[in-house]
Amino acid sequence: MEIKENYNSSVESAFDRYIKELYKLKTENDKIAENVAKKGLEELGMTSYTPHSNSLRINSLGINTEWGLIVGICILIACCGFLLNHFAGIPMYIGGLAFFLAGLFVGLNVPIFGLIFLFSHGATGLFLLLSSFFVRIGEESADFLEIFHNPVFSDGGIPNNLKLYIETTVALLIIAFVYTILHNLSPVLRNNKKHMIIILLLFFIVILLTGLAPRFFPYLIQ
């Protein structure tokens, strides 16, 4: 038992030294050797390697770093539901979230055909998800139209702060959808999970800004 533990320890130590040396390969002449080494580590099940990526993703704990980030962002998106100011909107938010994530991931990973799901499920789910922050349910919250019936709009139009807030949110939403479409059509983008992480971050920011809008409203109309 002790011999086995010593062996495992020596292997891990050698692996750590190998990784450090691998990261020192910076010159153009060493690029081929670096790629060969990475592929060799992948075959041993010690790394996750993508030919179009310049990064080495260590998998010593059995967790792919990039997929861990993707799951983490999805959890953050789910946590945006805590910004709801009424419990009755939770089913609407959860239903929208399920449709949105399903449509988004199909749209990200299934070329061409996935775009249908992106808009049929992803866009519909996102609309339900965002609407849950504004739709009146009982007497517990104000709906979106009531917000814009505020006298400040009839007196002087949309305040600049609120206008900038809305334009920023809409711009990020458009960028996120265009980025997703490009990701669907480009094998190069699909082979690099960093692009998926960026897309999820963009959608997360859009959902967060929308969820915070009712709380920021008194400050945005000043």
C-alpha atoms as a PDB file:
ATOM      1  CA  MET A   1       0.000   0.000   0.000  1.00  0.00           C
ATOM      2  CA  GLU A   2       2.817   2.357   0.953  1.00  0.00           C
ATOM      3  CA  ILE A   3       4.711   1.500  -2.235  1.00  0.00           C
ATOM      4  CA  LYS A   4       1.592   2.324  -4.309  1.00  0.00           C
ATOM      5  CA  GLU A   5       1.140   5.681  -2.543  1.00  0.00           C
ATOM      6  CA  ASN A   6       4.806   6.553  -3.090  1.00  0.00           C
ATOM      7  CA  TYR A   7       4.450   5.618  -6.765  1.00  0.00           C
ATOM      8  CA  ASN A   8       1.342   7.791  -7.196  1.00  0.00           C
ATOM      9  CA  SER A   9       3.080  10.658  -5.435  1.00  0.00           C
ATOM     10  CA  SER A  10       6.133  10.395  -7.689  1.00  0.00           C
ATOM     11  CA  VAL A  11       3.926  10.272 -10.798  1.00  0.00           C
ATOM     12  CA  GLU A  12       2.022  13.386  -9.703  1.00  0.00           C
ATOM     13  CA  SER A  13       5.284  15.158  -8.942  1.00  0.00           C
ATOM     14  CA  ALA A  14       6.702  14.251 -12.337  1.00  0.00           C
ATOM     15  CA  PHE A  15       3.477  15.391 -13.980  1.00  0.00           C
ATOM     16  CA  ASP A  16       3.684  18.768 -12.209  1.00  0.00           C
ATOM     17  CA  ARG A  17       7.269  19.246 -13.359  1.00  0.00           C
ATOM     18  CA  TYR A  18       6.279  18.258 -16.887  1.00  0.00           C
ATOM     19  CA  ILE A  19       3.483  20.821 -16.953  1.00  0.00           C
ATOM     20  CA  LYS A  20       5.824  23.573 -15.738  1.00  0.00           C
ATOM     21  CA  GLU A  21       8.304  22.721 -18.474  1.00  0.00           C
ATOM     22  CA  LEU A  22       5.491  22.611 -21.019  1.00  0.00           C
ATOM     23  CA  TYR A  23       4.459  26.164 -20.187  1.00  0.00           C
ATOM     24  CA  LYS A  24       8.047  27.323 -20.776  1.00  0.00           C
ATOM     25  CA  LEU A  25       7.799  26.399 -24.463  1.00  0.00           C
ATOM     26  CA  LYS A  26       7.291  29.809 -26.011  1.00  0.00           C
ATOM     27  CA  THR A  27       9.359  29.932 -29.212  1.00  0.00           C
ATOM     28  CA  GLU A  28       7.943  29.183 -32.638  1.00  0.00           C
ATOM     29  CA  ASN A  29      10.284  26.201 -33.079  1.00  0.00           C
ATOM     30  CA  ASP A  30       8.862  24.581 -29.974  1.00  0.00           C
ATOM     31  CA  LYS A  31       5.240  24.951 -31.060  1.00  0.00           C
ATOM     32  CA  ILE A  32       5.092  21.561 -32.768  1.00  0.00           C
ATOM     33  CA  ALA A  33       6.643  19.863 -29.761  1.00  0.00           C
ATOM     34  CA  GLU A  34       4.136  21.611 -27.488  1.00  0.00           C
ATOM     35  CA  ASN A  35       1.155  20.419 -29.537  1.00  0.00           C
ATOM     36  CA  VAL A  36       2.491  16.865 -29.663  1.00  0.00           C
ATOM     37  CA  ALA A  37       2.992  16.891 -25.900  1.00  0.00           C
ATOM     38  CA  LYS A  38      -0.518  18.173 -25.281  1.00  0.00           C
ATOM     39  CA  LYS A  39      -2.046  15.496 -27.485  1.00  0.00           C
ATOM     40  CA  GLY A  40      -0.018  12.867 -25.657  1.00  0.00           C
ATOM     41  CA  LEU A  41      -1.348  14.074 -22.310  1.00  0.00           C
ATOM     42  CA  GLU A  42      -4.887  14.012 -23.691  1.00  0.00           C
ATOM     43  CA  GLU A  43      -4.502  10.380 -24.746  1.00  0.00           C
ATOM     44  CA  LEU A  44      -3.417   9.571 -21.205  1.00  0.00           C
ATOM     45  CA  GLY A  45      -6.627  11.208 -19.936  1.00  0.00           C
ATOM     46  CA  MET A  46      -4.669  13.862 -18.035  1.00  0.00           C
ATOM     47  CA  THR A  47      -5.757  16.919 -20.004  1.00  0.00           C
ATOM     48  CA  SER A  48      -8.459  18.262 -22.261  1.00  0.00           C
ATOM     49  CA  TYR A  49      -6.939  19.522 -25.496  1.00  0.00           C
ATOM     50  CA  THR A  50      -8.529  21.429 -28.361  1.00  0.00           C
ATOM     51  CA  PRO A  51      -6.458  21.799 -31.545  1.00  0.00           C
ATOM     52  CA  HIS A  52      -7.605  25.396 -32.095  1.00  0.00           C
ATOM     53  CA  SER A  53      -6.885  26.474 -28.534  1.00  0.00           C
ATOM     54  CA  ASN A  54      -3.522  27.668 -27.244  1.00  0.00           C
ATOM     55  CA  SER A  55      -4.339  26.859 -23.652  1.00  0.00           C
ATOM     56  CA  LEU A  56      -3.742  23.674 -21.714  1.00  0.00           C
ATOM     57  CA  ARG A  57      -6.687  22.799 -19.460  1.00  0.00           C
ATOM     58  CA  ILE A  58      -5.537  20.645 -16.585  1.00  0.00           C
ATOM     59  CA  ASN A  59      -8.003  17.991 -15.524  1.00  0.00           C
ATOM     60  CA  SER A  60      -6.145  16.564 -12.518  1.00  0.00           C
ATOM     61  CA  LEU A  61      -9.267  16.823 -10.324  1.00  0.00           C
ATOM     62  CA  GLY A  62     -11.510  15.377 -12.983  1.00  0.00           C
ATOM     63  CA  ILE A  63     -13.132  18.777 -13.621  1.00  0.00           C
ATOM     64  CA  ASN A  64     -12.739  20.633 -16.889  1.00  0.00           C
ATOM     65  CA  THR A  65     -12.125  24.275 -15.988  1.00  0.00           C
ATOM     66  CA  GLU A  66     -14.067  25.703 -18.911  1.00  0.00           C
ATOM     67  CA  TRP A  67     -17.117  23.496 -18.354  1.00  0.00           C
ATOM     68  CA  GLY A  68     -16.926  24.393 -14.679  1.00  0.00           C
ATOM     69  CA  LEU A  69     -17.157  28.077 -15.623  1.00  0.00           C
ATOM     70  CA  ILE A  70     -20.074  27.358 -17.969  1.00  0.00           C
ATOM     71  CA  VAL A  71     -21.996  25.559 -15.226  1.00  0.00           C
ATOM     72  CA  GLY A  72     -21.114  28.333 -12.770  1.00  0.00           C
ATOM     73  CA  ILE A  73     -22.514  31.045 -15.057  1.00  0.00           C
ATOM     74  CA  CYS A  74     -25.702  29.025 -15.565  1.00  0.00           C
ATOM     75  CA  ILE A  75     -26.071  28.880 -11.777  1.00  0.00           C
ATOM     76  CA  LEU A  76     -25.581  32.664 -11.584  1.00  0.00           C
ATOM     77  CA  ILE A  77     -28.314  33.122 -14.191  1.00  0.00           C
ATOM     78  CA  ALA A  78     -30.616  30.919 -12.127  1.00  0.00           C
ATOM     79  CA  CYS A  79     -29.759  32.976  -9.024  1.00  0.00           C
ATOM     80  CA  CYS A  80     -30.981  36.131 -10.791  1.00  0.00           C
ATOM     81  CA  GLY A  81     -34.440  34.797  -9.947  1.00  0.00           C
ATOM     82  CA  PHE A  82     -33.854  36.050  -6.406  1.00  0.00           C
ATOM     83  CA  LEU A  83     -34.236  39.566  -7.820  1.00  0.00           C
ATOM     84  CA  LEU A  84     -37.959  38.915  -8.356  1.00  0.00           C
ATOM     85  CA  ASN A  85     -40.049  41.084  -6.065  1.00  0.00           C
ATOM     86  CA  HIS A  86     -42.916  38.585  -5.984  1.00  0.00           C
ATOM     87  CA  PHE A  87     -42.910  34.850  -5.311  1.00  0.00           C
ATOM     88  CA  ALA A  88     -45.706  34.271  -7.825  1.00  0.00           C
ATOM     89  CA  GLY A  89     -43.270  35.036 -10.654  1.00  0.00           C
ATOM     90  CA  ILE A  90     -40.893  32.203  -9.737  1.00  0.00           C
ATOM     91  CA  PRO A  91     -42.650  29.505 -11.865  1.00  0.00           C
ATOM     92  CA  MET A  92     -42.585  31.864 -14.839  1.00  0.00           C
ATOM     93  CA  TYR A  93     -38.888  32.556 -14.294  1.00  0.00           C
ATOM     94  CA  ILE A  94     -37.956  28.881 -13.886  1.00  0.00           C
ATOM     95  CA  GLY A  95     -39.983  27.847 -16.944  1.00  0.00           C
ATOM     96  CA  GLY A  96     -38.410  30.611 -19.014  1.00  0.00           C
ATOM     97  CA  LEU A  97     -34.951  29.677 -17.731  1.00  0.00           C
ATOM     98  CA  ALA A  98     -35.386  26.026 -18.740  1.00  0.00           C
ATOM     99  CA  PHE A  99     -36.538  26.953 -22.249  1.00  0.00           C
ATOM    100  CA  PHE A 100     -33.829  29.576 -22.624  1.00  0.00           C
ATOM    101  CA  LEU A 101     -30.906  27.345 -21.595  1.00  0.00           C
ATOM    102  CA  ALA A 102     -32.187  24.413 -23.672  1.00  0.00           C
ATOM    103  CA  GLY A 103     -32.566  26.552 -26.786  1.00  0.00           C
ATOM    104  CA  LEU A 104     -29.282  28.357 -26.184  1.00  0.00           C
ATOM    105  CA  PHE A 105     -27.156  25.220 -25.779  1.00  0.00           C
ATOM    106  CA  VAL A 106     -28.736  23.547 -28.805  1.00  0.00           C
ATOM    107  CA  GLY A 107     -28.160  26.765 -30.748  1.00  0.00           C
ATOM    108  CA  LEU A 108     -24.539  26.877 -29.637  1.00  0.00           C
ATOM    109  CA  ASN A 109     -23.658  23.259 -30.387  1.00  0.00           C
ATOM    110  CA  VAL A 110     -25.843  22.022 -33.273  1.00  0.00           C
ATOM    111  CA  PRO A 111     -24.823  23.658 -36.574  1.00  0.00           C
ATOM    112  CA  ILE A 112     -27.554  25.297 -38.681  1.00  0.00           C
ATOM    113  CA  PHE A 113     -30.483  23.268 -37.340  1.00  0.00           C
ATOM    114  CA  GLY A 114     -29.731  24.519 -33.828  1.00  0.00           C
ATOM    115  CA  LEU A 115     -30.620  28.067 -34.893  1.00  0.00           C
ATOM    116  CA  ILE A 116     -34.268  27.001 -35.064  1.00  0.00           C
ATOM    117  CA  PHE A 117     -34.150  25.981 -31.405  1.00  0.00           C
ATOM    118  CA  LEU A 118     -32.237  29.141 -30.537  1.00  0.00           C
ATOM    119  CA  PHE A 119     -35.191  31.280 -31.570  1.00  0.00           C
ATOM    120  CA  SER A 120     -38.088  28.896 -30.935  1.00  0.00           C
ATOM    121  CA  HIS A 121     -36.982  27.892 -27.427  1.00  0.00           C
ATOM    122  CA  GLY A 122     -34.109  30.187 -26.471  1.00  0.00           C
ATOM    123  CA  ALA A 123     -35.707  33.494 -27.453  1.00  0.00           C
ATOM    124  CA  THR A 124     -39.126  32.465 -26.123  1.00  0.00           C
ATOM    125  CA  GLY A 125     -37.631  31.323 -22.834  1.00  0.00           C
ATOM    126  CA  LEU A 126     -35.617  34.528 -22.505  1.00  0.00           C
ATOM    127  CA  PHE A 127     -38.742  36.613 -23.134  1.00  0.00           C
ATOM    128  CA  LEU A 128     -40.634  34.762 -20.387  1.00  0.00           C
ATOM    129  CA  LEU A 129     -37.640  34.998 -18.081  1.00  0.00           C
ATOM    130  CA  LEU A 130     -37.225  38.755 -18.538  1.00  0.00           C
ATOM    131  CA  SER A 131     -40.977  39.381 -18.437  1.00  0.00           C
ATOM    132  CA  SER A 132     -41.211  37.782 -14.998  1.00  0.00           C
ATOM    133  CA  PHE A 133     -39.434  40.847 -13.575  1.00  0.00           C
ATOM    134  CA  PHE A 134     -42.176  43.209 -14.790  1.00  0.00           C
ATOM    135  CA  VAL A 135     -45.474  41.383 -15.312  1.00  0.00           C
ATOM    136  CA  ARG A 136     -48.144  42.127 -12.717  1.00  0.00           C
ATOM    137  CA  ILE A 137     -49.166  39.067 -10.736  1.00  0.00           C
ATOM    138  CA  GLY A 138     -51.870  39.940  -8.225  1.00  0.00           C
ATOM    139  CA  GLU A 139     -51.231  43.234  -6.446  1.00  0.00           C
ATOM    140  CA  GLU A 140     -47.670  42.524  -5.417  1.00  0.00           C
ATOM    141  CA  SER A 141     -45.792  44.307  -8.194  1.00  0.00           C
ATOM    142  CA  ALA A 142     -45.995  46.977 -10.856  1.00  0.00           C
ATOM    143  CA  ASP A 143     -45.977  45.897 -14.479  1.00  0.00           C
ATOM    144  CA  PHE A 144     -43.751  47.326 -17.207  1.00  0.00           C
ATOM    145  CA  LEU A 145     -46.401  49.670 -18.621  1.00  0.00           C
ATOM    146  CA  GLU A 146     -47.117  51.191 -15.214  1.00  0.00           C
ATOM    147  CA  ILE A 147     -43.462  52.082 -14.867  1.00  0.00           C
ATOM    148  CA  PHE A 148     -43.573  54.091 -18.083  1.00  0.00           C
ATOM    149  CA  HIS A 149     -46.865  55.743 -17.065  1.00  0.00           C
ATOM    150  CA  ASN A 150     -44.828  57.606 -14.476  1.00  0.00           C
ATOM    151  CA  PRO A 151     -45.421  61.398 -14.843  1.00  0.00           C
ATOM    152  CA  VAL A 152     -41.718  61.963 -15.491  1.00  0.00           C
ATOM    153  CA  PHE A 153     -42.117  60.445 -18.968  1.00  0.00           C
ATOM    154  CA  SER A 154     -45.081  62.581 -20.003  1.00  0.00           C
ATOM    155  CA  ASP A 155     -43.320  65.710 -18.722  1.00  0.00           C
ATOM    156  CA  GLY A 156     -39.947  65.318 -20.399  1.00  0.00           C
ATOM    157  CA  GLY A 157     -39.698  62.019 -22.229  1.00  0.00           C
ATOM    158  CA  ILE A 158     -37.358  59.203 -21.228  1.00  0.00           C
ATOM    159  CA  PRO A 159     -34.641  60.475 -18.853  1.00  0.00           C
ATOM    160  CA  ASN A 160     -31.095  60.182 -20.205  1.00  0.00           C
ATOM    161  CA  ASN A 161     -29.940  57.815 -17.457  1.00  0.00           C
ATOM    162  CA  LEU A 162     -32.803  55.405 -18.099  1.00  0.00           C
ATOM    163  CA  LYS A 163     -32.358  55.726 -21.858  1.00  0.00           C
ATOM    164  CA  LEU A 164     -28.672  54.816 -21.556  1.00  0.00           C
ATOM    165  CA  TYR A 165     -29.552  51.884 -19.277  1.00  0.00           C
ATOM    166  CA  ILE A 166     -32.093  50.522 -21.753  1.00  0.00           C
ATOM    167  CA  GLU A 167     -29.823  51.066 -24.771  1.00  0.00           C
ATOM    168  CA  THR A 168     -26.926  49.293 -23.038  1.00  0.00           C
ATOM    169  CA  THR A 169     -29.108  46.306 -22.122  1.00  0.00           C
ATOM    170  CA  VAL A 170     -30.597  46.014 -25.616  1.00  0.00           C
ATOM    171  CA  ALA A 171     -27.162  46.388 -27.255  1.00  0.00           C
ATOM    172  CA  LEU A 172     -25.711  43.589 -25.110  1.00  0.00           C
ATOM    173  CA  LEU A 173     -28.719  41.405 -25.942  1.00  0.00           C
ATOM    174  CA  ILE A 174     -28.242  41.939 -29.682  1.00  0.00           C
ATOM    175  CA  ILE A 175     -24.494  41.263 -29.412  1.00  0.00           C
ATOM    176  CA  ALA A 176     -25.190  38.055 -27.464  1.00  0.00           C
ATOM    177  CA  PHE A 177     -27.609  36.732 -30.110  1.00  0.00           C
ATOM    178  CA  VAL A 178     -25.363  37.687 -33.036  1.00  0.00           C
ATOM    179  CA  TYR A 179     -22.392  36.097 -31.260  1.00  0.00           C
ATOM    180  CA  THR A 180     -24.449  32.927 -30.725  1.00  0.00           C
ATOM    181  CA  ILE A 181     -25.371  32.766 -34.415  1.00  0.00           C
ATOM    182  CA  LEU A 182     -21.712  33.170 -35.422  1.00  0.00           C
ATOM    183  CA  HIS A 183     -20.781  30.496 -32.879  1.00  0.00           C
ATOM    184  CA  ASN A 184     -23.319  28.136 -34.464  1.00  0.00           C
ATOM    185  CA  LEU A 185     -22.005  28.724 -37.986  1.00  0.00           C
ATOM    186  CA  SER A 186     -18.272  28.670 -37.209  1.00  0.00           C
ATOM    187  CA  PRO A 187     -16.463  25.392 -36.377  1.00  0.00           C
ATOM    188  CA  VAL A 188     -13.517  27.439 -35.107  1.00  0.00           C
ATOM    189  CA  LEU A 189     -15.678  29.188 -32.509  1.00  0.00           C
ATOM    190  CA  ARG A 190     -17.435  25.958 -31.518  1.00  0.00           C
ATOM    191  CA  ASN A 191     -14.088  24.259 -30.872  1.00  0.00           C
ATOM    192  CA  ASN A 192     -13.104  26.883 -28.316  1.00  0.00           C
ATOM    193  CA  LYS A 193     -15.275  26.898 -25.187  1.00  0.00           C
ATOM    194  CA  LYS A 194     -14.072  30.395 -24.280  1.00  0.00           C
ATOM    195  CA  HIS A 195     -16.549  31.795 -26.791  1.00  0.00           C
ATOM    196  CA  MET A 196     -19.411  29.920 -25.127  1.00  0.00           C
ATOM    197  CA  ILE A 197     -18.335  31.370 -21.775  1.00  0.00           C
ATOM    198  CA  ILE A 198     -18.358  34.910 -23.193  1.00  0.00           C
ATOM    199  CA  ILE A 199     -21.815  34.388 -24.717  1.00  0.00           C
ATOM    200  CA  LEU A 200     -23.212  33.111 -21.416  1.00  0.00           C
ATOM    201  CA  LEU A 201     -21.654  36.070 -19.601  1.00  0.00           C
ATOM    202  CA  LEU A 202     -23.344  38.482 -22.031  1.00  0.00           C
ATOM    203  CA  PHE A 203     -26.744  36.884 -21.446  1.00  0.00           C
ATOM    204  CA  PHE A 204     -26.106  36.857 -17.697  1.00  0.00           C
ATOM    205  CA  ILE A 205     -25.385  40.609 -17.728  1.00  0.00           C
ATOM    206  CA  VAL A 206     -28.555  41.260 -19.752  1.00  0.00           C
ATOM    207  CA  ILE A 207     -30.680  39.246 -17.303  1.00  0.00           C
ATOM    208  CA  LEU A 208     -28.990  40.880 -14.306  1.00  0.00           C
ATOM    209  CA  LEU A 209     -29.519  44.406 -15.661  1.00  0.00           C
ATOM    210  CA  THR A 210     -33.166  43.606 -16.396  1.00  0.00           C
ATOM    211  CA  GLY A 211     -33.713  42.160 -12.928  1.00  0.00           C
ATOM    212  CA  LEU A 212     -32.127  45.208 -11.312  1.00  0.00           C
ATOM    213  CA  ALA A 213     -34.073  47.704 -13.467  1.00  0.00           C
ATOM    214  CA  PRO A 214     -37.132  47.979 -11.155  1.00  0.00           C
ATOM    215  CA  ARG A 215     -34.815  48.601  -8.194  1.00  0.00           C
ATOM    216  CA  PHE A 216     -32.696  51.153 -10.066  1.00  0.00           C
ATOM    217  CA  PHE A 217     -35.747  52.893 -11.563  1.00  0.00           C
ATOM    218  CA  PRO A 218     -36.022  55.678  -8.914  1.00  0.00           C
ATOM    219  CA  TYR A 219     -32.372  56.584  -9.515  1.00  0.00           C
ATOM    220  CA  LEU A 220     -32.531  56.326 -13.315  1.00  0.00           C
ATOM    221  CA  ILE A 221     -35.311  58.906 -13.671  1.00  0.00           C
ATOM    222  CA  GLN A 222     -33.482  61.587 -11.700  1.00  0.00           C
END
